[in-house]
Amino acid sequence: MTATTADTPPPELRLTRRRGIELLLLLWAVLIAVFGYVSVGLAKNGTVPPDAAGYGAGLGLLALLAHLAVRLRAPYADPLLLPIAVLLNGLGLVLIYRLDLETPGDRAAPTQLIWSTLGVALFIVVVVVLRDHRVLQRYAYLSVAAALVLMIVPIFFPAVNGAKIWIRIGGFSFQPGEFAKILLAVFFAAYLAANSNALAYTGRRIWRLQLPTGRVLGPIVAIWLLSVGVLVLERDLGTSLLFFGLFVIMLYVATGRTGWIAVGLLLAAVGAFVVGSLEPHVHSRVQDWLAPFASIDAGQGPGQLAQSLFAFAAGGLLGTGLGLGHSILIGFAAKSDFILATAGEELGLTGLTAVFLLYALVVARGYRAGLALRDPFGRLLAIGLASILALQVFVIAGGVMGLIPLTGMAMPFLAQGGSSVVTNWIIMALLIRISDQARRPRPDAVETGIVARVTEGGR
């Protein structure tokens, strides 16, 4: 009896896990970081640093452990996310080590390496323990309560460089606001996912904008206003702008109404004008932004922003080379707020563009994972986490380059800052978990025979 056309099975779609590609990219990321480390030693001392092999082995071990966690627990995850994180973290360690050579009494690279190790450890914990990102939706209100506590506590500690964003106990210090941004993203995603229809299709229409009812919009606006108000009291303009941008982006994604973008830009402009006019610390930064060379004209020498602009100008197209710049003249913030100026001076416009493209890839892959999901919570959470990185890069790069006033935030993975690097590794873990869910073959497709056996062997 001959088989008919109806008996012919559907064509197989072979899905690959691409863990082998991820491992190869991780190898390249570690080699690039080690090459930068060696280049700094040769430029400054004329010899290869004696601990270059140990540095490469340590970074490679961290990358391998993270890769094994992804291979075993998130085999369908995006293969680009982890290598980019390792490369950015490794480049940050190289830049901090390079600046440490100019300040023998203030070595930040060893501490940053410890924080990076802790960040990778938490990355592994999140990937291994959190089997489904949708579990986080159950803890939406617990997340927002914890976020508010983390933001309020620094008010009771002394200000550091004009801002009350640090908790210092003995020789230990950290920024709780860094962890609060993840918790707020979880809350925003859960609340908006549960009320997206009410936010988009109910309430009054004012001109072309349809406003939701106060019962629906009130709770999330109250949480947002309380968060921003606390940050204003702490004089943390950067995180305030980050939370505001995160709120507007996720509200737009949840409702699909472009009017929220216009309202957000209007409120941001009004808030920036009021805070910049009334708050002395923020006002001084606005004045520095408007006239970065005023201190030179006054005979007081260049300020931090002016030195940063000089560093970018000195870098040109190809840079001076690692270890051959003078960005340390920026001062105490050269390893944190202004570390991008070191990258711009010593790697040039070409290297700086490559760094920005790495960040753009992470954001794009995060958006792609979110859009591929069926559940609204996962979609909003992925876009929210990716938007956090995008907003941070924009705010920091804009401030250092003189496009917007300085905000005092840390460049993701690059800048000195333990809380920042740990938080960013957690964000990467959540994005990997979400991308694994987004790329995983659906059970209904497997049952109908459309999806074939996933190839083994790590490719």
Protein backbone atom coordinates (compact mmCIF):
# COMPACT_ATOMS: atom_id res chain seq x y z
CA MET A 1 0.00 0.00 0.00
CA THR A 2 1.57 3.28 -1.13
CA ALA A 3 1.80 6.32 1.14
CA THR A 4 -0.32 9.29 0.18
CA THR A 5 0.65 12.94 0.38
CA ALA A 6 -1.33 13.28 3.61
CA ASP A 7 0.84 10.61 5.20
CA THR A 8 4.01 12.59 4.52
CA PRO A 9 5.31 14.15 7.77
CA PRO A 10 5.77 17.92 7.84
CA PRO A 11 9.27 19.26 7.16
CA GLU A 12 11.53 19.29 10.18
CA LEU A 13 12.76 22.55 11.65
CA ARG A 14 16.07 21.94 13.34
CA LEU A 15 16.70 24.34 16.24
CA THR A 16 20.23 24.72 17.53
CA ARG A 17 21.27 25.65 21.03
CA ARG A 18 24.51 27.39 19.91
CA ARG A 19 26.34 26.79 23.16
CA GLY A 20 29.47 25.96 21.18
CA ILE A 21 29.35 29.38 19.53
CA GLU A 22 28.92 30.95 22.95
CA LEU A 23 32.00 29.12 24.25
CA LEU A 24 34.06 30.26 21.26
CA LEU A 25 32.94 33.88 21.74
CA LEU A 26 33.81 33.64 25.43
CA LEU A 27 37.32 32.55 24.50
CA TRP A 28 37.72 35.56 22.24
CA ALA A 29 36.34 37.87 24.94
CA VAL A 30 38.88 36.61 27.49
CA LEU A 31 41.74 36.85 24.98
CA ILE A 32 40.83 40.44 24.09
CA ALA A 33 40.76 41.40 27.78
CA VAL A 34 44.14 39.72 28.40
CA PHE A 35 45.60 41.43 25.32
CA GLY A 36 44.47 44.79 26.72
CA TYR A 37 45.99 43.98 30.10
CA VAL A 38 49.32 43.08 28.48
CA SER A 39 49.21 46.21 26.31
CA VAL A 40 48.84 48.43 29.37
CA GLY A 41 51.86 46.78 31.03
CA LEU A 42 54.01 47.15 27.93
CA ALA A 43 53.00 50.79 27.46
CA LYS A 44 53.60 51.81 31.08
CA ASN A 45 56.50 49.61 32.19
CA GLY A 46 57.88 48.09 29.00
CA THR A 47 57.24 44.56 30.27
CA VAL A 48 54.39 42.08 30.37
CA PRO A 49 52.63 42.26 33.77
CA PRO A 50 53.79 39.32 35.91
CA ASP A 51 50.21 38.44 36.83
CA ALA A 52 48.87 38.52 33.25
CA ALA A 53 48.53 34.73 33.14
CA GLY A 54 46.74 34.71 36.48
CA TYR A 55 44.43 37.49 35.34
CA GLY A 56 43.56 35.58 32.17
CA ALA A 57 43.06 32.32 34.06
CA GLY A 58 40.81 33.98 36.64
CA LEU A 59 38.66 35.73 34.05
CA GLY A 60 38.53 32.56 31.96
CA LEU A 61 37.45 30.48 34.95
CA LEU A 62 34.62 32.89 35.77
CA ALA A 63 33.51 32.83 32.14
CA LEU A 64 33.65 29.02 32.02
CA LEU A 65 31.60 28.61 35.19
CA ALA A 66 28.97 31.02 33.89
CA HIS A 67 28.93 29.17 30.56
CA LEU A 68 28.42 25.80 32.27
CA ALA A 69 25.49 27.21 34.23
CA VAL A 70 23.90 28.48 31.02
CA ARG A 71 24.63 25.25 29.14
CA LEU A 72 23.01 23.11 31.83
CA ARG A 73 20.09 25.31 32.92
CA ALA A 74 19.35 27.63 29.98
CA PRO A 75 20.50 25.70 26.90
CA TYR A 76 18.40 27.74 24.44
CA ALA A 77 19.56 31.14 25.73
CA ASP A 78 20.90 33.82 23.41
CA PRO A 79 24.59 32.99 22.73
CA LEU A 80 25.68 36.65 22.53
CA LEU A 81 24.64 37.94 25.95
CA LEU A 82 27.19 36.19 28.16
CA PRO A 83 30.25 36.82 25.91
CA ILE A 84 29.41 40.52 25.64
CA ALA A 85 29.07 40.79 29.42
CA VAL A 86 32.44 39.07 29.94
CA LEU A 87 34.12 41.30 27.36
CA LEU A 88 32.74 44.52 28.85
CA ASN A 89 33.62 43.41 32.38
CA GLY A 90 37.13 42.43 31.29
CA LEU A 91 37.64 45.72 29.46
CA GLY A 92 36.47 47.58 32.55
CA LEU A 93 39.04 45.76 34.69
CA VAL A 94 41.75 46.68 32.16
CA LEU A 95 40.81 50.37 32.20
CA ILE A 96 40.65 50.50 36.00
CA TYR A 97 44.02 48.73 36.26
CA ARG A 98 45.46 51.22 33.77
CA LEU A 99 44.24 54.15 35.92
CA ASP A 100 45.50 52.42 39.09
CA LEU A 101 49.03 52.71 37.74
CA GLU A 102 48.66 56.50 37.98
CA THR A 103 47.42 56.33 41.58
CA PRO A 104 49.63 53.85 43.48
CA GLY A 105 47.92 54.70 46.77
CA ASP A 106 44.44 53.98 45.44
CA ARG A 107 44.16 50.56 43.83
CA ALA A 108 40.61 49.84 42.67
CA ALA A 109 41.14 46.95 40.24
CA PRO A 110 41.56 44.20 42.89
CA THR A 111 38.36 45.30 44.62
CA GLN A 112 36.54 45.48 41.30
CA LEU A 113 37.69 41.94 40.51
CA ILE A 114 36.22 40.73 43.80
CA TRP A 115 32.91 42.45 43.03
CA SER A 116 32.97 40.96 39.53
CA THR A 117 33.45 37.50 41.02
CA LEU A 118 30.48 38.09 43.31
CA GLY A 119 28.46 39.29 40.33
CA VAL A 120 29.24 36.15 38.32
CA ALA A 121 28.38 34.02 41.36
CA LEU A 122 24.97 35.69 41.63
CA PHE A 123 24.57 35.32 37.87
CA ILE A 124 25.05 31.55 38.26
CA VAL A 125 22.64 31.43 41.23
CA VAL A 126 19.91 33.23 39.27
CA VAL A 127 20.34 31.05 36.17
CA VAL A 128 20.35 27.83 38.22
CA VAL A 129 17.65 28.63 40.79
CA LEU A 130 15.20 30.66 38.71
CA ARG A 131 13.77 28.08 36.31
CA ASP A 132 10.94 30.29 35.04
CA HIS A 133 10.93 34.11 35.00
CA ARG A 134 7.15 34.15 35.52
CA VAL A 135 7.69 33.18 39.15
CA LEU A 136 8.81 36.77 39.80
CA GLN A 137 5.34 38.04 38.93
CA ARG A 138 4.04 36.63 42.22
CA TYR A 139 6.34 38.92 44.21
CA ALA A 140 5.46 42.23 42.55
CA TYR A 141 4.39 44.09 45.69
CA LEU A 142 7.14 42.55 47.78
CA SER A 143 9.60 43.80 45.15
CA VAL A 144 8.32 47.37 45.25
CA ALA A 145 8.33 47.39 49.06
CA ALA A 146 11.93 46.20 49.13
CA ALA A 147 12.87 48.76 46.46
CA LEU A 148 11.44 51.64 48.47
CA VAL A 149 13.25 50.49 51.60
CA LEU A 150 16.53 50.28 49.71
CA MET A 151 16.06 53.81 48.38
CA ILE A 152 15.02 55.35 51.71
CA VAL A 153 17.81 53.93 53.88
CA PRO A 154 20.67 56.03 52.36
CA ILE A 155 18.89 59.23 53.44
CA PHE A 156 20.06 58.51 56.99
CA PHE A 157 23.72 58.24 55.97
CA PRO A 158 26.12 61.12 55.22
CA ALA A 159 26.28 62.48 51.69
CA VAL A 160 29.20 61.46 49.47
CA ASN A 161 30.22 63.96 46.78
CA GLY A 162 26.95 65.81 47.31
CA ALA A 163 24.61 62.82 46.98
CA LYS A 164 23.04 60.57 49.63
CA ILE A 165 23.09 57.33 47.69
CA TRP A 166 25.64 55.33 49.67
CA ILE A 167 25.46 53.12 52.74
CA ARG A 168 28.84 53.04 54.47
CA ILE A 169 29.50 50.71 57.39
CA GLY A 170 33.15 50.63 58.37
CA GLY A 171 35.17 49.97 55.24
CA PHE A 172 32.20 48.47 53.39
CA SER A 173 29.98 50.58 51.12
CA PHE A 174 27.34 49.97 48.46
CA GLN A 175 24.55 51.72 46.56
CA PRO A 176 21.17 50.15 47.36
CA GLY A 177 19.54 52.12 44.54
CA GLU A 178 21.36 49.89 42.05
CA PHE A 179 19.42 46.87 43.28
CA ALA A 180 16.18 48.84 43.54
CA LYS A 181 16.04 49.39 39.79
CA ILE A 182 15.68 45.63 39.15
CA LEU A 183 12.96 45.34 41.78
CA LEU A 184 11.05 48.29 40.32
CA ALA A 185 11.32 46.77 36.84
CA VAL A 186 9.74 43.58 38.19
CA PHE A 187 6.92 45.56 39.82
CA PHE A 188 6.25 47.74 36.78
CA ALA A 189 6.20 44.67 34.51
CA ALA A 190 3.82 42.74 36.77
CA TYR A 191 1.42 45.63 37.37
CA LEU A 192 1.31 46.78 33.75
CA ALA A 193 0.88 43.23 32.48
CA ALA A 194 -2.13 42.76 34.76
CA ASN A 195 -3.72 46.12 33.87
CA SER A 196 -2.60 46.80 30.29
CA ASN A 197 -6.12 46.71 28.82
CA ALA A 198 -7.51 49.03 31.48
CA LEU A 199 -4.63 51.43 30.98
CA ALA A 200 -5.14 51.53 27.22
CA TYR A 201 -8.92 51.49 26.74
CA THR A 202 -10.59 53.05 29.78
CA GLY A 203 -10.81 56.51 31.25
CA ARG A 204 -11.27 59.99 29.79
CA ARG A 205 -9.92 61.32 26.52
CA ILE A 206 -8.13 64.69 26.68
CA TRP A 207 -7.30 65.94 23.20
CA ARG A 208 -5.59 62.93 21.58
CA LEU A 209 -4.53 61.23 24.82
CA GLN A 210 -6.83 58.75 26.52
CA LEU A 211 -6.12 58.81 30.25
CA PRO A 212 -6.89 55.68 32.31
CA THR A 213 -9.04 55.81 35.40
CA GLY A 214 -7.37 56.93 38.61
CA ARG A 215 -8.11 53.57 40.19
CA VAL A 216 -5.91 51.83 37.62
CA LEU A 217 -3.22 54.43 37.04
CA GLY A 218 -3.08 55.75 40.61
CA PRO A 219 -1.07 52.99 42.35
CA ILE A 220 1.74 52.85 39.82
CA VAL A 221 1.98 56.65 39.56
CA ALA A 222 2.09 56.89 43.36
CA ILE A 223 4.95 54.36 43.53
CA TRP A 224 6.80 56.21 40.76
CA LEU A 225 6.35 59.64 42.40
CA LEU A 226 7.47 58.28 45.77
CA SER A 227 10.54 56.71 44.18
CA VAL A 228 11.51 59.87 42.31
CA GLY A 229 10.80 62.02 45.38
CA VAL A 230 13.11 59.94 47.53
CA LEU A 231 15.84 60.14 44.91
CA VAL A 232 15.46 63.93 44.67
CA LEU A 233 15.94 64.14 48.44
CA GLU A 234 19.09 62.09 47.99
CA ARG A 235 20.24 64.44 45.17
CA ASP A 236 20.59 61.46 42.85
CA LEU A 237 19.60 63.03 39.54
CA GLY A 238 20.89 60.13 37.43
CA THR A 239 18.83 57.39 39.08
CA SER A 240 15.79 59.68 39.14
CA LEU A 241 16.08 60.11 35.38
CA LEU A 242 16.61 56.37 34.97
CA PHE A 243 13.47 55.45 36.92
CA PHE A 244 11.42 58.06 35.12
CA GLY A 245 12.56 56.83 31.70
CA LEU A 246 11.93 53.22 32.71
CA PHE A 247 8.40 54.08 33.82
CA VAL A 248 7.54 55.90 30.59
CA ILE A 249 9.03 53.22 28.30
CA MET A 250 7.25 50.35 30.02
CA LEU A 251 3.96 52.29 30.11
CA TYR A 252 4.27 52.92 26.37
CA VAL A 253 5.06 49.26 25.64
CA ALA A 254 2.15 48.07 27.79
CA THR A 255 -0.44 50.40 26.22
CA GLY A 256 0.95 50.99 22.73
CA ARG A 257 0.00 54.67 22.96
CA THR A 258 2.63 57.13 21.76
CA GLY A 259 0.99 59.92 23.72
CA TRP A 260 2.71 58.66 26.84
CA ILE A 261 6.09 59.42 25.24
CA ALA A 262 5.06 63.03 24.70
CA VAL A 263 3.72 63.34 28.24
CA GLY A 264 6.89 61.76 29.60
CA LEU A 265 9.16 64.15 27.72
CA LEU A 266 7.09 67.13 28.89
CA LEU A 267 7.15 66.03 32.54
CA ALA A 268 10.89 65.28 32.32
CA ALA A 269 11.58 68.76 30.96
CA VAL A 270 9.48 70.43 33.68
CA GLY A 271 11.03 68.32 36.44
CA ALA A 272 14.57 68.89 35.21
CA PHE A 273 13.99 72.66 35.07
CA VAL A 274 12.53 72.81 38.59
CA VAL A 275 15.17 70.58 40.20
CA GLY A 276 18.01 72.20 38.24
CA SER A 277 16.89 75.64 39.38
CA LEU A 278 16.18 74.94 43.04
CA GLU A 279 18.60 72.20 44.12
CA PRO A 280 22.15 73.65 44.55
CA HIS A 281 24.01 70.41 43.82
CA VAL A 282 22.08 69.79 40.61
CA HIS A 283 22.22 73.48 39.67
CA SER A 284 26.02 73.47 39.83
CA ARG A 285 26.13 70.54 37.43
CA VAL A 286 23.81 72.33 35.04
CA GLN A 287 26.07 75.38 35.16
CA ASP A 288 29.13 73.22 34.44
CA TRP A 289 27.29 71.70 31.49
CA LEU A 290 26.32 75.09 30.06
CA ALA A 291 29.83 76.50 30.45
CA PRO A 292 32.39 73.65 30.75
CA PHE A 293 35.36 75.98 30.14
CA ALA A 294 34.27 78.73 32.56
CA SER A 295 36.82 77.65 35.18
CA ILE A 296 39.59 77.97 32.59
CA ASP A 297 38.48 81.49 31.70
CA ALA A 298 38.47 82.33 35.41
CA GLY A 299 42.07 81.16 35.77
CA GLN A 300 41.18 78.17 37.97
CA GLY A 301 42.17 75.45 35.49
CA PRO A 302 39.94 72.95 33.67
CA GLY A 303 37.17 71.19 35.57
CA GLN A 304 36.23 67.54 35.24
CA LEU A 305 33.96 68.00 32.23
CA ALA A 306 36.54 70.13 30.42
CA GLN A 307 39.25 67.52 31.05
CA SER A 308 36.88 64.84 29.75
CA LEU A 309 36.30 66.78 26.53
CA PHE A 310 40.06 67.26 26.15
CA ALA A 311 40.52 63.48 26.54
CA PHE A 312 38.02 62.70 23.79
CA ALA A 313 39.68 65.25 21.52
CA ALA A 314 43.14 63.80 22.18
CA GLY A 315 41.94 60.29 21.29
CA GLY A 316 41.00 61.15 17.73
CA LEU A 317 40.00 58.33 15.43
CA LEU A 318 42.27 55.50 16.61
CA GLY A 319 43.26 56.64 20.13
CA THR A 320 46.60 57.12 21.82
CA GLY A 321 46.87 53.45 22.79
CA LEU A 322 46.14 51.75 26.10
CA GLY A 323 48.25 53.23 28.86
CA LEU A 324 49.36 56.28 26.86
CA GLY A 325 46.59 58.75 27.66
CA HIS A 326 46.23 61.41 30.36
CA SER A 327 42.62 61.01 31.46
CA ILE A 328 43.77 60.63 35.07
CA LEU A 329 43.88 64.45 35.07
CA ILE A 330 40.09 64.34 35.37
CA GLY A 331 40.55 63.62 39.08
CA PHE A 332 38.88 61.36 41.62
CA ALA A 333 36.02 60.38 39.27
CA ALA A 334 38.30 59.12 36.47
CA LYS A 335 37.71 55.48 37.46
CA SER A 336 33.97 55.83 37.96
CA ASP A 337 31.89 58.59 36.39
CA PHE A 338 34.41 59.47 33.67
CA ILE A 339 35.96 56.12 32.79
CA LEU A 340 34.40 56.43 29.35
CA ALA A 341 36.77 59.34 28.73
CA THR A 342 39.71 56.93 29.19
CA ALA A 343 38.19 54.59 26.64
CA GLY A 344 37.64 57.50 24.26
CA GLU A 345 41.18 58.83 24.62
CA GLU A 346 43.11 55.55 24.48
CA LEU A 347 40.87 53.54 22.13
CA GLY A 348 39.74 56.48 20.00
CA LEU A 349 36.46 56.97 18.22
CA THR A 350 36.83 53.51 16.66
CA GLY A 351 37.15 51.73 20.00
CA LEU A 352 34.45 53.84 21.59
CA THR A 353 32.07 52.99 18.75
CA ALA A 354 32.82 49.30 19.27
CA VAL A 355 31.96 49.64 22.98
CA PHE A 356 28.67 51.36 22.17
CA LEU A 357 27.85 48.65 19.63
CA LEU A 358 28.35 46.01 22.31
CA TYR A 359 25.83 47.77 24.53
CA ALA A 360 23.47 48.16 21.56
CA LEU A 361 23.69 44.41 20.87
CA VAL A 362 22.73 43.58 24.46
CA VAL A 363 19.75 45.95 24.34
CA ALA A 364 18.64 44.68 20.93
CA ARG A 365 18.86 41.03 21.99
CA GLY A 366 16.94 41.84 25.17
CA TYR A 367 14.17 43.48 23.13
CA ARG A 368 14.17 40.57 20.72
CA ALA A 369 13.76 38.05 23.53
CA GLY A 370 10.91 40.05 25.02
CA LEU A 371 9.05 40.39 21.74
CA ALA A 372 9.34 36.64 21.12
CA LEU A 373 7.51 35.79 24.35
CA ARG A 374 3.82 35.18 24.60
CA ASP A 375 3.33 36.22 28.22
CA PRO A 376 2.95 40.00 28.79
CA PHE A 377 4.97 39.96 32.03
CA GLY A 378 8.03 38.41 30.44
CA ARG A 379 7.80 40.75 27.47
CA LEU A 380 7.63 43.84 29.70
CA LEU A 381 10.34 42.58 32.05
CA ALA A 382 12.79 41.88 29.21
CA ILE A 383 12.17 45.27 27.61
CA GLY A 384 12.41 46.97 31.00
CA LEU A 385 15.74 45.33 31.89
CA ALA A 386 17.20 46.08 28.46
CA SER A 387 15.93 49.66 28.73
CA ILE A 388 17.74 50.07 32.06
CA LEU A 389 21.04 49.36 30.33
CA ALA A 390 20.14 51.60 27.38
CA LEU A 391 19.15 54.51 29.62
CA GLN A 392 22.27 54.15 31.75
CA VAL A 393 24.56 54.23 28.73
CA PHE A 394 22.74 57.23 27.27
CA VAL A 395 22.71 59.22 30.51
CA ILE A 396 26.35 58.49 31.35
CA ALA A 397 27.76 58.92 27.85
CA GLY A 398 25.70 62.07 27.34
CA GLY A 399 26.99 63.58 30.57
CA VAL A 400 30.64 62.72 29.99
CA MET A 401 30.50 64.04 26.42
CA GLY A 402 28.74 67.26 27.39
CA LEU A 403 25.41 66.49 25.72
CA ILE A 404 23.42 66.59 28.97
CA PRO A 405 24.32 67.55 32.57
CA LEU A 406 26.39 65.06 34.55
CA THR A 407 24.45 62.59 36.66
CA GLY A 408 27.08 60.65 38.62
CA MET A 409 26.07 57.14 37.51
CA ALA A 410 28.38 54.21 36.72
CA MET A 411 28.88 52.93 33.17
CA PRO A 412 27.58 49.31 33.10
CA PHE A 413 30.44 46.81 33.62
CA LEU A 414 33.15 49.39 32.78
CA ALA A 415 33.23 51.80 35.71
CA GLN A 416 34.47 51.26 39.23
CA GLY A 417 31.53 50.35 41.42
CA GLY A 418 30.77 47.08 43.15
CA SER A 419 27.01 47.55 43.42
CA SER A 420 26.79 48.45 39.75
CA VAL A 421 28.73 45.47 38.40
CA VAL A 422 26.83 43.01 40.63
CA THR A 423 23.47 44.46 39.55
CA ASN A 424 24.39 44.32 35.88
CA TRP A 425 25.35 40.66 36.16
CA ILE A 426 21.94 39.96 37.72
CA ILE A 427 20.28 41.80 34.82
CA MET A 428 22.23 39.66 32.36
CA ALA A 429 21.15 36.51 34.19
CA LEU A 430 17.49 37.52 33.96
CA LEU A 431 17.84 38.35 30.26
CA ILE A 432 19.46 34.97 29.64
CA ARG A 433 16.68 33.22 31.51
CA ILE A 434 14.05 35.12 29.49
CA SER A 435 15.84 34.50 26.18
CA ASP A 436 16.00 30.79 26.99
CA GLN A 437 12.24 30.76 27.42
CA ALA A 438 11.74 32.79 24.24
CA ARG A 439 13.95 30.53 22.06
CA ARG A 440 12.79 27.24 23.56
CA PRO A 441 10.63 25.16 21.17
CA ARG A 442 6.97 25.29 22.13
CA PRO A 443 5.36 22.04 23.30
CA ASP A 444 2.51 22.37 20.81
CA ALA A 445 5.01 22.65 17.93
CA VAL A 446 6.85 19.56 19.13
CA GLU A 447 3.61 17.56 19.40
CA THR A 448 2.62 18.37 15.80
CA GLY A 449 6.02 17.23 14.55
CA ILE A 450 7.09 20.63 13.21
CA VAL A 451 10.15 20.90 15.47
CA ALA A 452 12.71 18.15 15.29
CA ARG A 453 15.07 16.92 17.90
CA VAL A 454 17.35 19.72 19.04
CA THR A 455 20.89 19.07 17.97
CA GLU A 456 23.21 17.91 20.62
CA GLY A 457 26.90 18.64 20.86
CA GLY A 458 26.60 22.24 22.02
CA ARG A 459 26.17 23.99 18.65
